[in-house]
Every structure is written in structure tokens, then in C-alpha cells.
């Protein structure tokens, strides 16, 4: 049995978004501010300034909340663990009914493998792992392929046998 592999949830997007809103806020404040007698004054009654500050604060709160959640995906030979600060969901590999590693049709991102989907025998709904949301995506796919070698592949429905949704 090898050591468990830990894949952290990426926060790059949240950092970039927060930084982008901060730069936009500072640029707008610099352009709209007034230089009077070698002193810089900021216009406080500008509604656009309030809107930009609101977006910056919301993105900062979202970044801090995601940082606080500390989400991780831990993969071992015998189990897959979805870990966060408040909760931990363990999926035993012996409980896997099927697994599929492939692309998501509606998402246009770079890379051959974008999505890992698996179903357990004890749960009705499927688990979905978007590879791009975790660090070291290639290594994550390799680990899941090792697990997939011991699990049956996804069973496709026969043509015309799809479930129909009622209106």
C-alpha cells in the first residue's frame, strides 16, 4: 500500500479575481481623485467607487471562505476522500460500481481529461471530479486510472433506451 496522494483545491482564480478588482478600484480612484495643493483627495460620493469597492470586498470574502474551507481530494489504494475543514466524505474503492474518465461535453477547457465520474453501489447519485479544479491534474488522472483498472467501466445505455423526462 502506498502513501495517500493529496490534491488541493485550486484557488488561483479567486486570487486573480480579487487582485483584478483591487487594481481596477485603485486605478479608478487614482483617475477620479483630485490633486489640490499637492494633496490627493478622493471623491467619496461617487457611486461607481462604491460598486467597485463592493465587488472587491465580495471577491475577498469568497477567497477567504474558500481558503478557510481547505478543500482537498485524498486518494489512496483503498479509498477516495473528499476532505474539507468541516466534513470528510470517504468512498471505498471496493464500493465503486463504475468509473469513467473523460471529457465534459459542455465545458470547453484545454486538456484531454477534464472529468472523472464514478458511481458507488450505496449511493444513487454520481460523484463528479473536475480535474481542472485541483492542483497536479495529470497526477490526479494517473491515480484515478490506477483505481479504474480494478473497477468496471461505465455502462452506456442502449440506443433508444434513454430515460425520458416528463413535461
N, C-alpha and C. Protein backbone atom coordinates (compact mmCIF):
# COMPACT_ATOMS: atom_id res chain seq x y z
N UNK A 1 0.85 -1.18 0.00
CA UNK A 1 0.00 0.00 0.00
C UNK A 1 0.89 1.24 0.00
N UNK A 2 0.61 2.15 -0.91
CA UNK A 2 1.42 3.36 -0.99
C UNK A 2 0.82 4.48 -0.13
N UNK A 3 1.56 5.54 -0.03
CA UNK A 3 1.09 6.67 0.78
C UNK A 3 -0.03 7.40 0.05
N UNK A 4 -0.95 7.98 0.79
CA UNK A 4 -2.06 8.69 0.14
C UNK A 4 -1.57 9.94 -0.59
N UNK A 5 -2.17 10.20 -1.72
CA UNK A 5 -1.85 11.38 -2.52
C UNK A 5 -2.89 12.46 -2.18
N UNK A 6 -2.41 13.66 -1.90
CA UNK A 6 -3.29 14.77 -1.53
C UNK A 6 -3.28 15.79 -2.66
N UNK A 7 -4.46 16.12 -3.15
CA UNK A 7 -4.63 17.12 -4.20
C UNK A 7 -5.45 18.27 -3.64
N UNK A 8 -4.84 19.44 -3.58
CA UNK A 8 -5.52 20.61 -3.03
C UNK A 8 -6.38 21.27 -4.08
N UNK A 9 -7.45 21.89 -3.62
CA UNK A 9 -8.35 22.64 -4.49
C UNK A 9 -7.65 23.92 -4.92
N UNK A 10 -7.69 24.24 -6.20
CA UNK A 10 -7.02 25.43 -6.72
C UNK A 10 -7.75 26.69 -6.30
N UNK A 11 -7.00 27.68 -5.88
CA UNK A 11 -7.56 28.98 -5.53
C UNK A 11 -7.02 30.07 -6.45
N UNK A 12 -6.34 29.70 -7.53
CA UNK A 12 -5.74 30.68 -8.43
C UNK A 12 -6.76 31.68 -8.96
N UNK A 13 -7.90 31.18 -9.38
CA UNK A 13 -8.93 32.05 -9.94
C UNK A 13 -9.39 33.09 -8.93
N UNK A 14 -9.56 32.68 -7.69
CA UNK A 14 -10.02 33.60 -6.66
C UNK A 14 -8.98 34.67 -6.36
N UNK A 15 -7.70 34.28 -6.35
CA UNK A 15 -6.64 35.26 -6.14
C UNK A 15 -6.60 36.27 -7.30
N UNK A 16 -6.69 35.76 -8.53
CA UNK A 16 -6.65 36.64 -9.69
C UNK A 16 -7.84 37.59 -9.72
N UNK A 17 -9.01 37.08 -9.39
CA UNK A 17 -10.22 37.90 -9.39
C UNK A 17 -10.11 39.01 -8.34
N UNK A 18 -9.67 38.68 -7.15
CA UNK A 18 -9.53 39.67 -6.09
C UNK A 18 -8.50 40.73 -6.46
N UNK A 19 -7.38 40.30 -7.00
CA UNK A 19 -6.34 41.24 -7.41
C UNK A 19 -6.82 42.14 -8.55
N UNK A 20 -7.55 41.57 -9.49
CA UNK A 20 -8.07 42.36 -10.61
C UNK A 20 -9.03 43.44 -10.12
N UNK A 21 -9.93 43.09 -9.21
CA UNK A 21 -10.86 44.08 -8.68
C UNK A 21 -10.13 45.15 -7.87
N UNK A 22 -9.09 44.78 -7.13
CA UNK A 22 -8.32 45.75 -6.36
C UNK A 22 -7.60 46.73 -7.28
N UNK A 23 -6.95 46.21 -8.32
CA UNK A 23 -6.25 47.08 -9.27
C UNK A 23 -7.23 48.02 -9.96
N UNK A 24 -8.38 47.50 -10.38
CA UNK A 24 -9.39 48.35 -11.02
C UNK A 24 -9.87 49.44 -10.06
N UNK A 25 -10.08 49.08 -8.80
CA UNK A 25 -10.52 50.05 -7.81
C UNK A 25 -9.46 51.14 -7.60
N UNK A 26 -8.20 50.73 -7.48
CA UNK A 26 -7.13 51.70 -7.27
C UNK A 26 -6.92 52.59 -8.49
N UNK A 27 -7.00 52.02 -9.68
CA UNK A 27 -6.87 52.83 -10.89
C UNK A 27 -8.01 53.84 -11.01
N UNK A 28 -9.22 53.39 -10.76
CA UNK A 28 -10.37 54.30 -10.84
C UNK A 28 -10.25 55.39 -9.78
N UNK A 29 -9.84 55.01 -8.57
CA UNK A 29 -9.68 56.01 -7.51
C UNK A 29 -8.58 57.00 -7.87
N UNK A 30 -7.52 56.52 -8.49
CA UNK A 30 -6.44 57.41 -8.91
C UNK A 30 -6.84 58.36 -10.01
N UNK A 31 -7.65 57.88 -10.94
CA UNK A 31 -8.10 58.73 -12.04
C UNK A 31 -9.14 59.74 -11.56
N UNK A 32 -10.06 59.31 -10.74
CA UNK A 32 -11.14 60.18 -10.27
C UNK A 32 -10.73 61.10 -9.12
N UNK A 33 -9.65 60.78 -8.44
CA UNK A 33 -9.21 61.61 -7.32
C UNK A 33 -8.72 62.97 -7.81
N UNK A 34 -8.63 63.92 -6.93
CA UNK A 34 -8.19 65.26 -7.28
C UNK A 34 -6.89 65.59 -6.57
N UNK A 35 -6.02 66.26 -7.28
CA UNK A 35 -4.80 66.79 -6.67
C UNK A 35 -5.03 68.28 -6.41
N UNK A 36 -5.15 68.63 -5.15
CA UNK A 36 -5.35 70.03 -4.78
C UNK A 36 -4.22 70.43 -3.84
N UNK A 37 -3.42 71.41 -4.28
CA UNK A 37 -2.31 71.92 -3.48
C UNK A 37 -1.42 70.79 -2.95
N UNK A 38 -0.92 69.99 -3.85
CA UNK A 38 -0.01 68.89 -3.52
C UNK A 38 -0.61 67.87 -2.56
N UNK A 39 -1.90 67.78 -2.51
CA UNK A 39 -2.58 66.81 -1.65
C UNK A 39 -3.61 66.05 -2.49
N UNK A 40 -3.64 64.76 -2.32
CA UNK A 40 -4.58 63.92 -3.07
C UNK A 40 -5.85 63.73 -2.26
N UNK A 41 -6.99 64.05 -2.86
CA UNK A 41 -8.27 63.82 -2.19
C UNK A 41 -9.10 62.87 -3.04
N UNK A 42 -9.82 62.05 -2.40
CA UNK A 42 -10.63 61.03 -3.07
C UNK A 42 -12.09 61.45 -3.05
N UNK A 43 -12.78 61.18 -4.12
CA UNK A 43 -14.19 61.52 -4.19
C UNK A 43 -14.98 60.40 -3.52
N UNK A 44 -15.64 60.71 -2.41
CA UNK A 44 -16.37 59.69 -1.65
C UNK A 44 -17.81 59.53 -2.10
N UNK A 45 -18.31 60.45 -2.85
CA UNK A 45 -19.72 60.39 -3.24
C UNK A 45 -19.93 59.75 -4.61
N UNK A 46 -18.94 59.15 -5.14
CA UNK A 46 -19.03 58.53 -6.46
C UNK A 46 -19.63 57.13 -6.33
N UNK A 47 -20.80 56.89 -6.93
CA UNK A 47 -21.43 55.57 -6.79
C UNK A 47 -20.63 54.45 -7.46
N UNK A 48 -19.89 54.76 -8.51
CA UNK A 48 -19.09 53.73 -9.16
C UNK A 48 -17.99 53.25 -8.22
N UNK A 49 -17.47 54.18 -7.43
CA UNK A 49 -16.46 53.81 -6.44
C UNK A 49 -17.03 52.81 -5.43
N UNK A 50 -18.25 53.03 -5.00
CA UNK A 50 -18.90 52.11 -4.06
C UNK A 50 -19.15 50.74 -4.71
N UNK A 51 -19.54 50.75 -5.96
CA UNK A 51 -19.80 49.48 -6.66
C UNK A 51 -18.49 48.69 -6.80
N UNK A 52 -17.43 49.36 -7.19
CA UNK A 52 -16.14 48.68 -7.35
C UNK A 52 -15.62 48.17 -6.01
N UNK A 53 -15.80 48.95 -4.96
CA UNK A 53 -15.39 48.51 -3.62
C UNK A 53 -16.21 47.30 -3.18
N UNK A 54 -17.50 47.30 -3.51
CA UNK A 54 -18.37 46.16 -3.18
C UNK A 54 -17.88 44.88 -3.87
N UNK A 55 -17.56 44.97 -5.18
CA UNK A 55 -17.06 43.80 -5.90
C UNK A 55 -15.74 43.31 -5.32
N UNK A 56 -14.86 44.23 -4.96
CA UNK A 56 -13.60 43.83 -4.36
C UNK A 56 -13.84 43.11 -3.02
N UNK A 57 -14.69 43.67 -2.19
CA UNK A 57 -14.95 43.06 -0.88
C UNK A 57 -15.61 41.69 -1.01
N UNK A 58 -16.55 41.54 -1.95
CA UNK A 58 -17.20 40.24 -2.15
C UNK A 58 -16.17 39.21 -2.63
N UNK A 59 -15.32 39.59 -3.58
CA UNK A 59 -14.31 38.63 -4.06
C UNK A 59 -13.30 38.29 -2.97
N UNK A 60 -12.98 39.25 -2.11
CA UNK A 60 -12.08 38.98 -0.99
C UNK A 60 -12.72 38.01 0.02
N UNK A 61 -14.00 38.20 0.31
CA UNK A 61 -14.70 37.30 1.23
C UNK A 61 -14.78 35.89 0.65
N UNK A 62 -15.08 35.78 -0.65
CA UNK A 62 -15.16 34.46 -1.29
C UNK A 62 -13.79 33.77 -1.26
N UNK A 63 -12.73 34.53 -1.52
CA UNK A 63 -11.38 33.97 -1.44
C UNK A 63 -11.07 33.47 -0.04
N UNK A 64 -11.38 34.27 0.96
CA UNK A 64 -11.09 33.87 2.34
C UNK A 64 -11.93 32.67 2.77
N UNK A 65 -13.19 32.62 2.34
CA UNK A 65 -14.04 31.47 2.68
C UNK A 65 -13.51 30.19 2.04
N UNK A 66 -13.10 30.27 0.78
CA UNK A 66 -12.56 29.08 0.11
C UNK A 66 -11.22 28.68 0.72
N UNK A 67 -10.44 29.65 1.13
CA UNK A 67 -9.18 29.34 1.81
C UNK A 67 -9.45 28.66 3.15
N UNK A 68 -10.46 29.15 3.85
CA UNK A 68 -10.82 28.60 5.15
C UNK A 68 -11.38 27.17 5.03
N UNK A 69 -12.12 26.90 3.94
CA UNK A 69 -12.70 25.57 3.75
C UNK A 69 -11.64 24.49 3.59
N UNK A 70 -10.49 24.86 3.03
CA UNK A 70 -9.35 23.93 2.92
C UNK A 70 -9.75 22.61 2.26
N UNK A 71 -10.32 22.72 1.06
CA UNK A 71 -10.78 21.51 0.37
C UNK A 71 -9.60 20.75 -0.24
N UNK A 72 -9.68 19.42 -0.10
CA UNK A 72 -8.65 18.52 -0.63
C UNK A 72 -9.31 17.26 -1.14
N UNK A 73 -8.63 16.61 -2.05
CA UNK A 73 -9.01 15.29 -2.52
C UNK A 73 -7.86 14.36 -2.18
N UNK A 74 -8.13 13.36 -1.37
CA UNK A 74 -7.09 12.43 -0.91
C UNK A 74 -7.38 11.07 -1.54
N UNK A 75 -6.40 10.56 -2.28
CA UNK A 75 -6.59 9.28 -2.98
C UNK A 75 -5.59 8.28 -2.43
N UNK A 76 -6.12 7.13 -2.06
CA UNK A 76 -5.35 6.03 -1.51
C UNK A 76 -5.66 4.81 -2.37
N UNK A 77 -5.02 3.70 -2.12
CA UNK A 77 -5.31 2.47 -2.87
C UNK A 77 -6.72 1.95 -2.56
N UNK A 78 -7.18 2.18 -1.36
CA UNK A 78 -8.45 1.58 -0.93
C UNK A 78 -9.58 2.58 -0.79
N UNK A 79 -9.29 3.89 -0.92
CA UNK A 79 -10.37 4.85 -0.73
C UNK A 79 -10.07 6.19 -1.39
N UNK A 80 -11.15 6.94 -1.60
CA UNK A 80 -11.09 8.30 -2.12
C UNK A 80 -11.77 9.16 -1.06
N UNK A 81 -11.09 10.21 -0.61
CA UNK A 81 -11.61 11.04 0.47
C UNK A 81 -11.79 12.47 -0.03
N UNK A 82 -13.02 12.98 0.08
CA UNK A 82 -13.30 14.39 -0.20
C UNK A 82 -13.23 15.09 1.16
N UNK A 83 -12.20 15.88 1.35
CA UNK A 83 -11.94 16.48 2.65
C UNK A 83 -12.17 17.99 2.60
N UNK A 84 -12.84 18.51 3.61
CA UNK A 84 -12.90 19.95 3.85
C UNK A 84 -12.75 20.15 5.34
N UNK A 85 -12.67 21.39 5.76
CA UNK A 85 -12.44 21.67 7.18
C UNK A 85 -13.57 21.11 8.05
N UNK A 86 -14.80 21.18 7.58
CA UNK A 86 -15.95 20.78 8.38
C UNK A 86 -16.43 19.35 8.13
N UNK A 87 -16.03 18.76 7.02
CA UNK A 87 -16.62 17.48 6.65
C UNK A 87 -15.61 16.63 5.89
N UNK A 88 -15.80 15.35 6.00
CA UNK A 88 -14.96 14.42 5.26
C UNK A 88 -15.84 13.29 4.75
N UNK A 89 -15.87 13.11 3.44
CA UNK A 89 -16.67 12.04 2.84
C UNK A 89 -15.71 11.00 2.27
N UNK A 90 -15.86 9.77 2.74
CA UNK A 90 -14.97 8.68 2.34
C UNK A 90 -15.72 7.75 1.41
N UNK A 91 -15.08 7.43 0.27
CA UNK A 91 -15.63 6.48 -0.68
C UNK A 91 -14.63 5.34 -0.80
N UNK A 92 -15.05 4.17 -0.42
CA UNK A 92 -14.19 2.99 -0.52
C UNK A 92 -14.14 2.54 -1.98
N UNK A 93 -12.97 2.16 -2.47
CA UNK A 93 -12.85 1.72 -3.87
C UNK A 93 -13.57 0.39 -4.10
N UNK A 94 -13.74 -0.38 -3.05
CA UNK A 94 -14.48 -1.64 -3.19
C UNK A 94 -15.98 -1.39 -3.38
N UNK A 95 -16.44 -0.17 -3.05
CA UNK A 95 -17.86 0.19 -3.18
C UNK A 95 -18.17 0.81 -4.54
N UNK A 96 -17.16 0.99 -5.40
CA UNK A 96 -17.39 1.62 -6.69
C UNK A 96 -18.11 0.67 -7.64
N UNK A 97 -19.17 1.17 -8.25
CA UNK A 97 -19.93 0.38 -9.22
C UNK A 97 -19.31 0.53 -10.61
N UNK A 98 -19.00 1.76 -11.01
CA UNK A 98 -18.31 2.04 -12.27
C UNK A 98 -17.58 3.36 -12.17
N UNK A 99 -16.65 3.55 -13.11
CA UNK A 99 -15.88 4.79 -13.15
C UNK A 99 -15.66 5.18 -14.61
N UNK A 100 -15.68 6.48 -14.87
CA UNK A 100 -15.47 6.99 -16.23
C UNK A 100 -14.52 8.18 -16.15
N UNK A 101 -13.46 8.14 -16.94
CA UNK A 101 -12.51 9.25 -17.02
C UNK A 101 -12.58 9.78 -18.44
N UNK A 102 -12.96 11.04 -18.58
CA UNK A 102 -13.10 11.58 -19.92
C UNK A 102 -13.34 13.07 -19.92
N UNK A 103 -14.06 13.52 -20.92
CA UNK A 103 -14.32 14.95 -21.09
C UNK A 103 -15.75 15.27 -20.73
N UNK A 104 -15.95 16.52 -20.38
CA UNK A 104 -17.30 17.02 -20.15
C UNK A 104 -17.71 17.77 -21.41
N UNK A 105 -18.84 17.43 -21.94
CA UNK A 105 -19.24 17.99 -23.23
C UNK A 105 -19.50 19.48 -23.19
N UNK A 106 -20.07 19.97 -22.13
CA UNK A 106 -20.47 21.38 -22.08
C UNK A 106 -19.34 22.31 -21.66
N UNK A 107 -18.22 21.78 -21.18
CA UNK A 107 -17.12 22.61 -20.71
C UNK A 107 -16.01 22.57 -21.75
N UNK A 108 -15.58 23.75 -22.20
CA UNK A 108 -14.52 23.85 -23.18
C UNK A 108 -13.23 24.28 -22.49
N UNK A 109 -12.44 23.34 -22.03
CA UNK A 109 -11.15 23.66 -21.42
C UNK A 109 -10.07 22.83 -22.09
N UNK A 110 -8.85 23.27 -21.91
CA UNK A 110 -7.73 22.55 -22.51
C UNK A 110 -7.50 21.25 -21.75
N UNK A 111 -6.96 20.29 -22.45
CA UNK A 111 -6.64 19.03 -21.80
C UNK A 111 -7.56 17.92 -22.25
N UNK A 112 -7.02 16.73 -22.31
CA UNK A 112 -7.80 15.59 -22.77
C UNK A 112 -8.74 15.08 -21.70
N UNK A 113 -8.26 15.03 -20.49
CA UNK A 113 -9.08 14.55 -19.39
C UNK A 113 -9.56 15.75 -18.58
N UNK A 114 -10.84 15.93 -18.50
CA UNK A 114 -11.39 17.06 -17.78
C UNK A 114 -12.26 16.61 -16.62
N UNK A 115 -12.77 15.39 -16.69
CA UNK A 115 -13.80 14.98 -15.76
C UNK A 115 -13.61 13.52 -15.36
N UNK A 116 -13.82 13.26 -14.08
CA UNK A 116 -13.82 11.89 -13.58
C UNK A 116 -15.16 11.69 -12.90
N UNK A 117 -15.89 10.71 -13.35
CA UNK A 117 -17.23 10.43 -12.82
C UNK A 117 -17.24 9.00 -12.33
N UNK A 118 -17.80 8.81 -11.13
CA UNK A 118 -17.94 7.44 -10.64
C UNK A 118 -19.20 7.31 -9.81
N UNK A 119 -19.69 6.08 -9.76
CA UNK A 119 -20.91 5.78 -9.01
C UNK A 119 -20.59 4.69 -8.01
N UNK A 120 -21.16 4.84 -6.83
CA UNK A 120 -20.99 3.81 -5.81
C UNK A 120 -22.23 2.95 -5.75
N UNK A 121 -22.08 1.78 -5.17
CA UNK A 121 -23.22 0.88 -5.04
C UNK A 121 -24.20 1.35 -3.98
N UNK A 122 -23.71 2.11 -3.02
CA UNK A 122 -24.56 2.52 -1.90
C UNK A 122 -25.21 3.89 -2.09
N UNK A 123 -24.92 4.58 -3.17
CA UNK A 123 -25.46 5.92 -3.37
C UNK A 123 -26.11 6.02 -4.74
N UNK A 124 -27.21 6.72 -4.80
CA UNK A 124 -27.94 6.83 -6.05
C UNK A 124 -27.30 7.81 -7.03
N UNK A 125 -26.82 8.94 -6.51
CA UNK A 125 -26.22 9.96 -7.37
C UNK A 125 -24.75 9.66 -7.63
N UNK A 126 -24.23 10.23 -8.71
CA UNK A 126 -22.83 10.02 -9.07
C UNK A 126 -21.94 11.07 -8.40
N UNK A 127 -20.67 10.75 -8.31
CA UNK A 127 -19.65 11.68 -7.86
C UNK A 127 -18.97 12.25 -9.10
N UNK A 128 -18.70 13.54 -9.10
CA UNK A 128 -18.09 14.19 -10.24
C UNK A 128 -16.87 14.97 -9.76
N UNK A 129 -15.72 14.67 -10.34
CA UNK A 129 -14.49 15.38 -10.02
C UNK A 129 -14.04 16.11 -11.28
N UNK A 130 -13.99 17.42 -11.23
CA UNK A 130 -13.47 18.21 -12.34
C UNK A 130 -11.97 18.37 -12.11
N UNK A 131 -11.18 17.77 -12.98
CA UNK A 131 -9.74 17.69 -12.81
C UNK A 131 -9.10 19.07 -12.76
N UNK A 132 -9.59 20.00 -13.54
CA UNK A 132 -9.01 21.33 -13.61
C UNK A 132 -9.14 22.13 -12.33
N UNK A 133 -9.96 21.70 -11.42
CA UNK A 133 -10.13 22.43 -10.17
C UNK A 133 -9.13 22.01 -9.09
N UNK A 134 -8.31 21.02 -9.39
CA UNK A 134 -7.35 20.54 -8.41
C UNK A 134 -5.93 20.71 -8.93
N UNK A 135 -4.99 20.89 -8.01
CA UNK A 135 -3.59 21.00 -8.38
C UNK A 135 -3.08 19.65 -8.87
N UNK A 136 -2.07 19.69 -9.72
CA UNK A 136 -1.44 18.48 -10.28
C UNK A 136 -2.48 17.57 -10.94
N UNK A 137 -3.17 18.11 -11.92
CA UNK A 137 -4.25 17.39 -12.59
C UNK A 137 -3.81 16.12 -13.29
N UNK A 138 -2.63 16.13 -13.91
CA UNK A 138 -2.14 14.93 -14.60
C UNK A 138 -1.91 13.78 -13.62
N UNK A 139 -1.34 14.11 -12.48
CA UNK A 139 -1.10 13.08 -11.46
C UNK A 139 -2.42 12.56 -10.89
N UNK A 140 -3.40 13.44 -10.76
CA UNK A 140 -4.73 13.03 -10.30
C UNK A 140 -5.35 12.04 -11.27
N UNK A 141 -5.24 12.32 -12.56
CA UNK A 141 -5.79 11.40 -13.56
C UNK A 141 -5.07 10.06 -13.51
N UNK A 142 -3.75 10.07 -13.34
CA UNK A 142 -3.00 8.81 -13.26
C UNK A 142 -3.44 7.97 -12.06
N UNK A 143 -3.63 8.62 -10.93
CA UNK A 143 -4.07 7.88 -9.73
C UNK A 143 -5.47 7.29 -9.94
N UNK A 144 -6.35 8.07 -10.56
CA UNK A 144 -7.70 7.56 -10.81
C UNK A 144 -7.70 6.45 -11.85
N UNK A 145 -6.78 6.50 -12.81
CA UNK A 145 -6.68 5.41 -13.78
C UNK A 145 -6.19 4.13 -13.12
N UNK A 146 -5.34 4.24 -12.11
CA UNK A 146 -4.90 3.05 -11.36
C UNK A 146 -6.09 2.41 -10.66
N UNK A 147 -6.94 3.24 -10.09
CA UNK A 147 -8.14 2.73 -9.42
C UNK A 147 -9.11 2.16 -10.45
N UNK A 148 -9.21 2.82 -11.61
CA UNK A 148 -10.16 2.40 -12.65
C UNK A 148 -9.80 1.04 -13.25
N UNK A 149 -8.56 0.62 -13.13
CA UNK A 149 -8.16 -0.69 -13.64
C UNK A 149 -8.87 -1.82 -12.91
N UNK A 150 -9.28 -1.58 -11.68
CA UNK A 150 -9.91 -2.62 -10.87
C UNK A 150 -11.43 -2.45 -10.77
N UNK A 151 -11.97 -1.48 -11.50
CA UNK A 151 -13.40 -1.18 -11.42
C UNK A 151 -13.97 -1.26 -12.83
N UNK A 152 -15.20 -1.77 -13.00
CA UNK A 152 -15.79 -1.80 -14.34
C UNK A 152 -15.99 -0.41 -14.91
N UNK A 153 -16.00 -0.33 -16.22
CA UNK A 153 -16.24 0.95 -16.88
C UNK A 153 -17.73 1.27 -16.85
N UNK A 154 -18.04 2.52 -17.18
CA UNK A 154 -19.43 2.98 -17.19
C UNK A 154 -20.21 2.23 -18.25
N UNK A 155 -21.40 1.83 -17.88
CA UNK A 155 -22.26 1.12 -18.82
C UNK A 155 -23.11 2.14 -19.57
N UNK A 156 -23.00 2.13 -20.88
CA UNK A 156 -23.79 3.05 -21.69
C UNK A 156 -25.15 2.43 -21.97
N UNK A 157 -26.14 3.28 -21.97
CA UNK A 157 -27.48 2.78 -22.28
C UNK A 157 -27.60 2.45 -23.76
N UNK A 158 -28.44 1.48 -24.07
CA UNK A 158 -28.67 1.12 -25.47
C UNK A 158 -29.41 2.25 -26.17
N UNK A 159 -29.22 2.36 -27.47
CA UNK A 159 -29.86 3.42 -28.25
C UNK A 159 -31.38 3.32 -28.12
N UNK A 160 -32.02 4.43 -27.84
CA UNK A 160 -33.46 4.44 -27.74
C UNK A 160 -33.97 4.05 -26.35
N UNK A 161 -33.08 3.70 -25.45
CA UNK A 161 -33.49 3.25 -24.12
C UNK A 161 -33.25 4.34 -23.06
N UNK A 162 -33.15 5.56 -23.50
CA UNK A 162 -32.90 6.64 -22.55
C UNK A 162 -34.13 6.92 -21.72
N UNK A 163 -33.86 7.40 -20.53
CA UNK A 163 -34.97 7.82 -19.68
C UNK A 163 -35.55 9.10 -20.22
N UNK A 164 -36.82 9.16 -20.27
CA UNK A 164 -37.47 10.37 -20.78
C UNK A 164 -37.98 11.18 -19.61
N UNK A 165 -37.80 12.47 -19.74
CA UNK A 165 -38.30 13.36 -18.70
C UNK A 165 -39.74 13.74 -19.01
N UNK A 166 -40.54 13.75 -17.98
CA UNK A 166 -41.91 14.14 -18.21
C UNK A 166 -42.00 15.66 -18.20
N UNK A 167 -42.94 16.16 -18.92
CA UNK A 167 -43.10 17.63 -19.06
C UNK A 167 -43.94 18.18 -17.94
